[in-house]
Amino acid sequence: FDWHTYLGFFRRPDLSPLLFQFTCFAFAFSAYMSGFPLFAERRYTWHGQPFGPKEVGYVYAYLGFLGIIIQGGLIGKLVKRFGEDKIIWGGFVASAVGFTALAFTHNVPALLVVSAVASSGSGVLRPAITSLLTQRAHRSEQGVILGLNQSLNSLCQIMAPFFAGLLIDQGWLAAWAIMAAVVSALGLFFR
């Protein structure tokens, strides 16, 4: 672990904004994925019963299917048409809007719509940010920068579930979704 080298990437104007943007994406995404089952159990019902593992699994399958469409072919066309920078901007906007709307949904049809919006935003962020990171890093730095990126992701996967669980455990369901929205919106300020 060479902390000095890692911190040096955060000081570079070509890489620093992308690393912070990736951190915002990873935190919001981890908060959503880890907190959603608890949120859904407390917020939604299906046939008069609270959401359980089966219903959450169906929602995750639906979002996974959307992810296949987005990352399996659509993102390449979007990048060619708009470029990574605009895709990243749009991804953060969609995520922030979707997570904000999720805070105020109380039925399954609304859940599916706003989750699709948030998921579409998240679905374009990881590949677009990672692509720009590898383009901007020197060829000899790409392995280190991708490792740093994965470390940031792992750190977010530790921290985000803690905060998500804390908010949901207190019954602050809307605050959980708003937290993910705010962190997503922060990604817009790192340019």
C-alpha atoms as a PDB file:
ATOM      1  CA  PHE A   1       0.000   0.000   0.000  1.00  0.00           C
ATOM      2  CA  ASP A   2       1.573   3.206  -1.166  1.00  0.00           C
ATOM      3  CA  TRP A   3      -0.764   5.829   0.303  1.00  0.00           C
ATOM      4  CA  HIS A   4       1.340   8.673  -1.054  1.00  0.00           C
ATOM      5  CA  THR A   5       0.853   7.426  -4.624  1.00  0.00           C
ATOM      6  CA  TYR A   6      -2.884   6.895  -4.090  1.00  0.00           C
ATOM      7  CA  LEU A   7      -3.333  10.373  -2.641  1.00  0.00           C
ATOM      8  CA  GLY A   8      -1.368  11.759  -5.576  1.00  0.00           C
ATOM      9  CA  PHE A   9      -4.119  10.609  -7.937  1.00  0.00           C
ATOM     10  CA  PHE A  10      -6.609  12.673  -5.940  1.00  0.00           C
ATOM     11  CA  ARG A  11      -4.440  15.745  -6.487  1.00  0.00           C
ATOM     12  CA  ARG A  12      -4.316  15.376 -10.253  1.00  0.00           C
ATOM     13  CA  PRO A  13      -6.858  17.587 -12.035  1.00  0.00           C
ATOM     14  CA  ASP A  14      -7.390  15.020 -14.794  1.00  0.00           C
ATOM     15  CA  LEU A  15      -8.206  12.139 -12.408  1.00  0.00           C
ATOM     16  CA  SER A  16      -9.388  13.660  -9.134  1.00  0.00           C
ATOM     17  CA  PRO A  17     -12.901  14.640 -10.263  1.00  0.00           C
ATOM     18  CA  LEU A  18     -13.497  11.175 -11.686  1.00  0.00           C
ATOM     19  CA  LEU A  19     -12.331   9.464  -8.506  1.00  0.00           C
ATOM     20  CA  PHE A  20     -14.671  11.613  -6.436  1.00  0.00           C
ATOM     21  CA  GLN A  21     -17.491  10.990  -8.900  1.00  0.00           C
ATOM     22  CA  PHE A  22     -16.895   7.251  -8.723  1.00  0.00           C
ATOM     23  CA  THR A  23     -16.986   7.461  -4.926  1.00  0.00           C
ATOM     24  CA  CYS A  24     -20.335   9.283  -5.066  1.00  0.00           C
ATOM     25  CA  PHE A  25     -21.716   6.686  -7.465  1.00  0.00           C
ATOM     26  CA  ALA A  26     -20.420   3.737  -5.424  1.00  0.00           C
ATOM     27  CA  PHE A  27     -21.747   5.108  -2.130  1.00  0.00           C
ATOM     28  CA  ALA A  28     -25.225   5.887  -3.483  1.00  0.00           C
ATOM     29  CA  PHE A  29     -25.444   2.561  -5.309  1.00  0.00           C
ATOM     30  CA  SER A  30     -24.286   0.589  -2.253  1.00  0.00           C
ATOM     31  CA  ALA A  31     -26.726   2.463  -0.019  1.00  0.00           C
ATOM     32  CA  TYR A  32     -29.538   1.654  -2.425  1.00  0.00           C
ATOM     33  CA  MET A  33     -28.702  -2.011  -2.944  1.00  0.00           C
ATOM     34  CA  SER A  34     -28.060  -2.759   0.720  1.00  0.00           C
ATOM     35  CA  GLY A  35     -30.970  -0.741   2.100  1.00  0.00           C
ATOM     36  CA  PHE A  36     -33.642  -1.562  -0.439  1.00  0.00           C
ATOM     37  CA  PRO A  37     -34.782  -4.887   1.081  1.00  0.00           C
ATOM     38  CA  LEU A  38     -35.309  -3.240   4.481  1.00  0.00           C
ATOM     39  CA  PHE A  39     -36.949  -0.198   2.909  1.00  0.00           C
ATOM     40  CA  ALA A  40     -39.261  -2.315   0.735  1.00  0.00           C
ATOM     41  CA  GLU A  41     -40.295  -4.519   3.660  1.00  0.00           C
ATOM     42  CA  ARG A  42     -41.420  -1.447   5.585  1.00  0.00           C
ATOM     43  CA  ARG A  43     -42.910   0.508   2.668  1.00  0.00           C
ATOM     44  CA  TYR A  44     -44.590  -1.828   0.156  1.00  0.00           C
ATOM     45  CA  THR A  45     -47.120  -4.612   0.211  1.00  0.00           C
ATOM     46  CA  TRP A  46     -47.997  -7.247  -2.347  1.00  0.00           C
ATOM     47  CA  HIS A  47     -51.336  -9.010  -2.040  1.00  0.00           C
ATOM     48  CA  GLY A  48     -51.731  -7.563   1.443  1.00  0.00           C
ATOM     49  CA  GLN A  49     -48.359  -8.830   2.703  1.00  0.00           C
ATOM     50  CA  PRO A  50     -45.170  -6.815   3.301  1.00  0.00           C
ATOM     51  CA  PHE A  51     -42.481  -7.206   0.678  1.00  0.00           C
ATOM     52  CA  GLY A  52     -40.289 -10.192   1.441  1.00  0.00           C
ATOM     53  CA  PRO A  53     -37.255 -11.806  -0.187  1.00  0.00           C
ATOM     54  CA  LYS A  54     -39.257 -13.044  -3.181  1.00  0.00           C
ATOM     55  CA  GLU A  55     -40.683  -9.604  -4.019  1.00  0.00           C
ATOM     56  CA  VAL A  56     -37.316  -7.916  -3.509  1.00  0.00           C
ATOM     57  CA  GLY A  57     -35.782 -10.564  -5.761  1.00  0.00           C
ATOM     58  CA  TYR A  58     -38.310  -9.745  -8.466  1.00  0.00           C
ATOM     59  CA  VAL A  59     -37.436  -6.051  -8.262  1.00  0.00           C
ATOM     60  CA  TYR A  60     -33.712  -6.850  -8.413  1.00  0.00           C
ATOM     61  CA  ALA A  61     -34.310  -9.139 -11.414  1.00  0.00           C
ATOM     62  CA  TYR A  62     -36.240  -6.341 -13.139  1.00  0.00           C
ATOM     63  CA  LEU A  63     -33.408  -3.890 -12.468  1.00  0.00           C
ATOM     64  CA  GLY A  64     -30.841  -6.462 -13.573  1.00  0.00           C
ATOM     65  CA  PHE A  65     -32.703  -6.891 -16.851  1.00  0.00           C
ATOM     66  CA  LEU A  66     -32.619  -3.117 -17.351  1.00  0.00           C
ATOM     67  CA  GLY A  67     -28.892  -3.194 -16.582  1.00  0.00           C
ATOM     68  CA  ILE A  68     -28.333  -5.813 -19.266  1.00  0.00           C
ATOM     69  CA  ILE A  69     -30.070  -3.602 -21.804  1.00  0.00           C
ATOM     70  CA  ILE A  70     -28.159  -0.500 -20.761  1.00  0.00           C
ATOM     71  CA  GLN A  71     -24.703  -2.003 -20.336  1.00  0.00           C
ATOM     72  CA  GLY A  72     -25.130  -4.683 -22.978  1.00  0.00           C
ATOM     73  CA  GLY A  73     -25.529  -2.392 -25.923  1.00  0.00           C
ATOM     74  CA  LEU A  74     -27.245   0.886 -25.229  1.00  0.00           C
ATOM     75  CA  ILE A  75     -24.358   2.593 -23.435  1.00  0.00           C
ATOM     76  CA  GLY A  76     -22.023   2.214 -26.419  1.00  0.00           C
ATOM     77  CA  LYS A  77     -24.512   4.019 -28.631  1.00  0.00           C
ATOM     78  CA  LEU A  78     -25.063   6.711 -26.007  1.00  0.00           C
ATOM     79  CA  VAL A  79     -21.322   7.288 -25.595  1.00  0.00           C
ATOM     80  CA  LYS A  80     -20.840   7.586 -29.358  1.00  0.00           C
ATOM     81  CA  ARG A  81     -23.650  10.103 -29.570  1.00  0.00           C
ATOM     82  CA  PHE A  82     -23.062  12.169 -26.408  1.00  0.00           C
ATOM     83  CA  GLY A  83     -19.623  11.282 -24.989  1.00  0.00           C
ATOM     84  CA  GLU A  84     -18.730  10.040 -21.529  1.00  0.00           C
ATOM     85  CA  ASP A  85     -18.901  13.444 -19.830  1.00  0.00           C
ATOM     86  CA  LYS A  86     -22.537  14.014 -20.790  1.00  0.00           C
ATOM     87  CA  ILE A  87     -23.415  10.411 -19.960  1.00  0.00           C
ATOM     88  CA  ILE A  88     -21.937  10.873 -16.484  1.00  0.00           C
ATOM     89  CA  TRP A  89     -23.862  14.113 -15.981  1.00  0.00           C
ATOM     90  CA  GLY A  90     -27.092  12.447 -17.113  1.00  0.00           C
ATOM     91  CA  GLY A  91     -26.406   9.404 -14.955  1.00  0.00           C
ATOM     92  CA  PHE A  92     -26.052  11.477 -11.816  1.00  0.00           C
ATOM     93  CA  VAL A  93     -29.169  13.489 -12.631  1.00  0.00           C
ATOM     94  CA  ALA A  94     -31.218  10.334 -13.264  1.00  0.00           C
ATOM     95  CA  SER A  95     -29.923   8.702 -10.088  1.00  0.00           C
ATOM     96  CA  ALA A  96     -30.644  11.764  -7.962  1.00  0.00           C
ATOM     97  CA  VAL A  97     -34.128  12.196  -9.421  1.00  0.00           C
ATOM     98  CA  GLY A  98     -34.928   8.485  -9.112  1.00  0.00           C
ATOM     99  CA  PHE A  99     -33.735   8.212  -5.515  1.00  0.00           C
ATOM    100  CA  THR A 100     -35.586  11.387  -4.540  1.00  0.00           C
ATOM    101  CA  ALA A 101     -38.797  10.093  -6.095  1.00  0.00           C
ATOM    102  CA  LEU A 102     -38.293   6.745  -4.361  1.00  0.00           C
ATOM    103  CA  ALA A 103     -38.538   8.526  -1.012  1.00  0.00           C
ATOM    104  CA  PHE A 104     -42.140   9.414  -1.842  1.00  0.00           C
ATOM    105  CA  THR A 105     -43.395   6.212  -3.479  1.00  0.00           C
ATOM    106  CA  HIS A 106     -45.886   4.019  -1.670  1.00  0.00           C
ATOM    107  CA  ASN A 107     -47.053   1.570  -4.322  1.00  0.00           C
ATOM    108  CA  VAL A 108     -45.436  -1.024  -6.567  1.00  0.00           C
ATOM    109  CA  PRO A 109     -46.083   0.617  -9.980  1.00  0.00           C
ATOM    110  CA  ALA A 110     -44.446   3.854  -8.797  1.00  0.00           C
ATOM    111  CA  LEU A 111     -41.591   1.826  -7.294  1.00  0.00           C
ATOM    112  CA  LEU A 112     -40.917   0.160 -10.644  1.00  0.00           C
ATOM    113  CA  VAL A 113     -40.885   3.468 -12.515  1.00  0.00           C
ATOM    114  CA  VAL A 114     -38.635   5.405 -10.132  1.00  0.00           C
ATOM    115  CA  SER A 115     -36.335   2.423  -9.594  1.00  0.00           C
ATOM    116  CA  ALA A 116     -35.918   2.184 -13.362  1.00  0.00           C
ATOM    117  CA  VAL A 117     -34.926   5.858 -13.500  1.00  0.00           C
ATOM    118  CA  ALA A 118     -32.431   5.529 -10.639  1.00  0.00           C
ATOM    119  CA  SER A 119     -31.087   2.247 -11.981  1.00  0.00           C
ATOM    120  CA  SER A 120     -30.646   3.674 -15.474  1.00  0.00           C
ATOM    121  CA  GLY A 121     -28.559   6.462 -14.012  1.00  0.00           C
ATOM    122  CA  SER A 122     -26.463   4.062 -11.990  1.00  0.00           C
ATOM    123  CA  GLY A 123     -26.177   1.710 -14.944  1.00  0.00           C
ATOM    124  CA  VAL A 124     -24.336   4.234 -17.074  1.00  0.00           C
ATOM    125  CA  LEU A 125     -22.161   5.724 -14.353  1.00  0.00           C
ATOM    126  CA  ARG A 126     -19.815   2.849 -13.536  1.00  0.00           C
ATOM    127  CA  PRO A 127     -18.737   2.092 -17.132  1.00  0.00           C
ATOM    128  CA  ALA A 128     -18.566   5.749 -18.195  1.00  0.00           C
ATOM    129  CA  ILE A 129     -16.479   6.875 -15.226  1.00  0.00           C
ATOM    130  CA  THR A 130     -14.216   3.834 -15.431  1.00  0.00           C
ATOM    131  CA  SER A 131     -13.728   4.408 -19.144  1.00  0.00           C
ATOM    132  CA  LEU A 132     -12.671   8.015 -18.610  1.00  0.00           C
ATOM    133  CA  LEU A 133     -10.331   7.005 -15.785  1.00  0.00           C
ATOM    134  CA  THR A 134      -8.523   4.524 -18.025  1.00  0.00           C
ATOM    135  CA  GLN A 135      -8.371   7.056 -20.865  1.00  0.00           C
ATOM    136  CA  ARG A 136      -6.891   9.782 -18.680  1.00  0.00           C
ATOM    137  CA  ALA A 137      -4.429   7.650 -16.743  1.00  0.00           C
ATOM    138  CA  HIS A 138      -1.075   6.914 -18.276  1.00  0.00           C
ATOM    139  CA  ARG A 139      -0.780   3.391 -19.655  1.00  0.00           C
ATOM    140  CA  SER A 140       1.619   2.438 -16.835  1.00  0.00           C
ATOM    141  CA  GLU A 141      -0.863   3.732 -14.218  1.00  0.00           C
ATOM    142  CA  GLN A 142      -4.002   1.991 -15.423  1.00  0.00           C
ATOM    143  CA  GLY A 143      -3.633  -1.056 -13.191  1.00  0.00           C
ATOM    144  CA  VAL A 144      -3.066   1.101 -10.128  1.00  0.00           C
ATOM    145  CA  ILE A 145      -5.938   3.457 -10.950  1.00  0.00           C
ATOM    146  CA  LEU A 146      -8.353   0.570 -11.518  1.00  0.00           C
ATOM    147  CA  GLY A 147      -7.190  -0.982  -8.242  1.00  0.00           C
ATOM    148  CA  LEU A 148      -7.739   2.335  -6.469  1.00  0.00           C
ATOM    149  CA  ASN A 149     -11.171   2.558  -8.073  1.00  0.00           C
ATOM    150  CA  GLN A 150     -12.036  -0.916  -6.764  1.00  0.00           C
ATOM    151  CA  SER A 151     -10.741   0.027  -3.308  1.00  0.00           C
ATOM    152  CA  LEU A 152     -13.030   3.071  -3.293  1.00  0.00           C
ATOM    153  CA  ASN A 153     -15.903   0.791  -4.274  1.00  0.00           C
ATOM    154  CA  SER A 154     -15.077  -1.605  -1.430  1.00  0.00           C
ATOM    155  CA  LEU A 155     -14.863   1.244   1.058  1.00  0.00           C
ATOM    156  CA  CYS A 156     -18.285   2.479  -0.036  1.00  0.00           C
ATOM    157  CA  GLN A 157     -19.662  -1.052   0.275  1.00  0.00           C
ATOM    158  CA  ILE A 158     -18.601  -0.959   3.916  1.00  0.00           C
ATOM    159  CA  MET A 159     -19.764   2.548   4.801  1.00  0.00           C
ATOM    160  CA  ALA A 160     -22.997   2.908   2.811  1.00  0.00           C
ATOM    161  CA  PRO A 161     -24.813  -0.124   4.294  1.00  0.00           C
ATOM    162  CA  PHE A 162     -23.991   1.149   7.768  1.00  0.00           C
ATOM    163  CA  PHE A 163     -25.633   4.512   7.120  1.00  0.00           C
ATOM    164  CA  ALA A 164     -28.500   2.973   5.168  1.00  0.00           C
ATOM    165  CA  GLY A 165     -29.229   0.524   7.977  1.00  0.00           C
ATOM    166  CA  LEU A 166     -28.987   3.247  10.597  1.00  0.00           C
ATOM    167  CA  LEU A 167     -31.541   5.450   8.835  1.00  0.00           C
ATOM    168  CA  ILE A 168     -33.941   2.628   8.049  1.00  0.00           C
ATOM    169  CA  ASP A 169     -33.686   1.182  11.555  1.00  0.00           C
ATOM    170  CA  GLN A 170     -34.784   4.567  12.903  1.00  0.00           C
ATOM    171  CA  GLY A 171     -37.784   4.475  10.571  1.00  0.00           C
ATOM    172  CA  TRP A 172     -36.410   7.294   8.437  1.00  0.00           C
ATOM    173  CA  LEU A 173     -37.276   5.634   5.146  1.00  0.00           C
ATOM    174  CA  ALA A 174     -37.461   8.808   3.099  1.00  0.00           C
ATOM    175  CA  ALA A 175     -34.151   9.993   4.582  1.00  0.00           C
ATOM    176  CA  TRP A 176     -32.478   6.808   3.338  1.00  0.00           C
ATOM    177  CA  ALA A 177     -33.575   7.490  -0.240  1.00  0.00           C
ATOM    178  CA  ILE A 178     -32.760  11.202   0.039  1.00  0.00           C
ATOM    179  CA  MET A 179     -29.267  10.332   1.316  1.00  0.00           C
ATOM    180  CA  ALA A 180     -28.634   8.335  -1.875  1.00  0.00           C
ATOM    181  CA  ALA A 181     -30.074  11.211  -3.929  1.00  0.00           C
ATOM    182  CA  VAL A 182     -27.877  13.833  -2.263  1.00  0.00           C
ATOM    183  CA  VAL A 183     -24.735  11.768  -2.708  1.00  0.00           C
ATOM    184  CA  SER A 184     -25.664  11.223  -6.360  1.00  0.00           C
ATOM    185  CA  ALA A 185     -26.214  14.963  -6.802  1.00  0.00           C
ATOM    186  CA  LEU A 186     -22.791  15.637  -5.261  1.00  0.00           C
ATOM    187  CA  GLY A 187     -21.282  13.784  -8.182  1.00  0.00           C
ATOM    188  CA  LEU A 188     -22.415  16.636 -10.416  1.00  0.00           C
ATOM    189  CA  PHE A 189     -20.102  19.073  -8.643  1.00  0.00           C
ATOM    190  CA  PHE A 190     -16.908  17.178  -9.439  1.00  0.00           C
ATOM    191  CA  ARG A 191     -16.105  18.171 -12.998  1.00  0.00           C
END
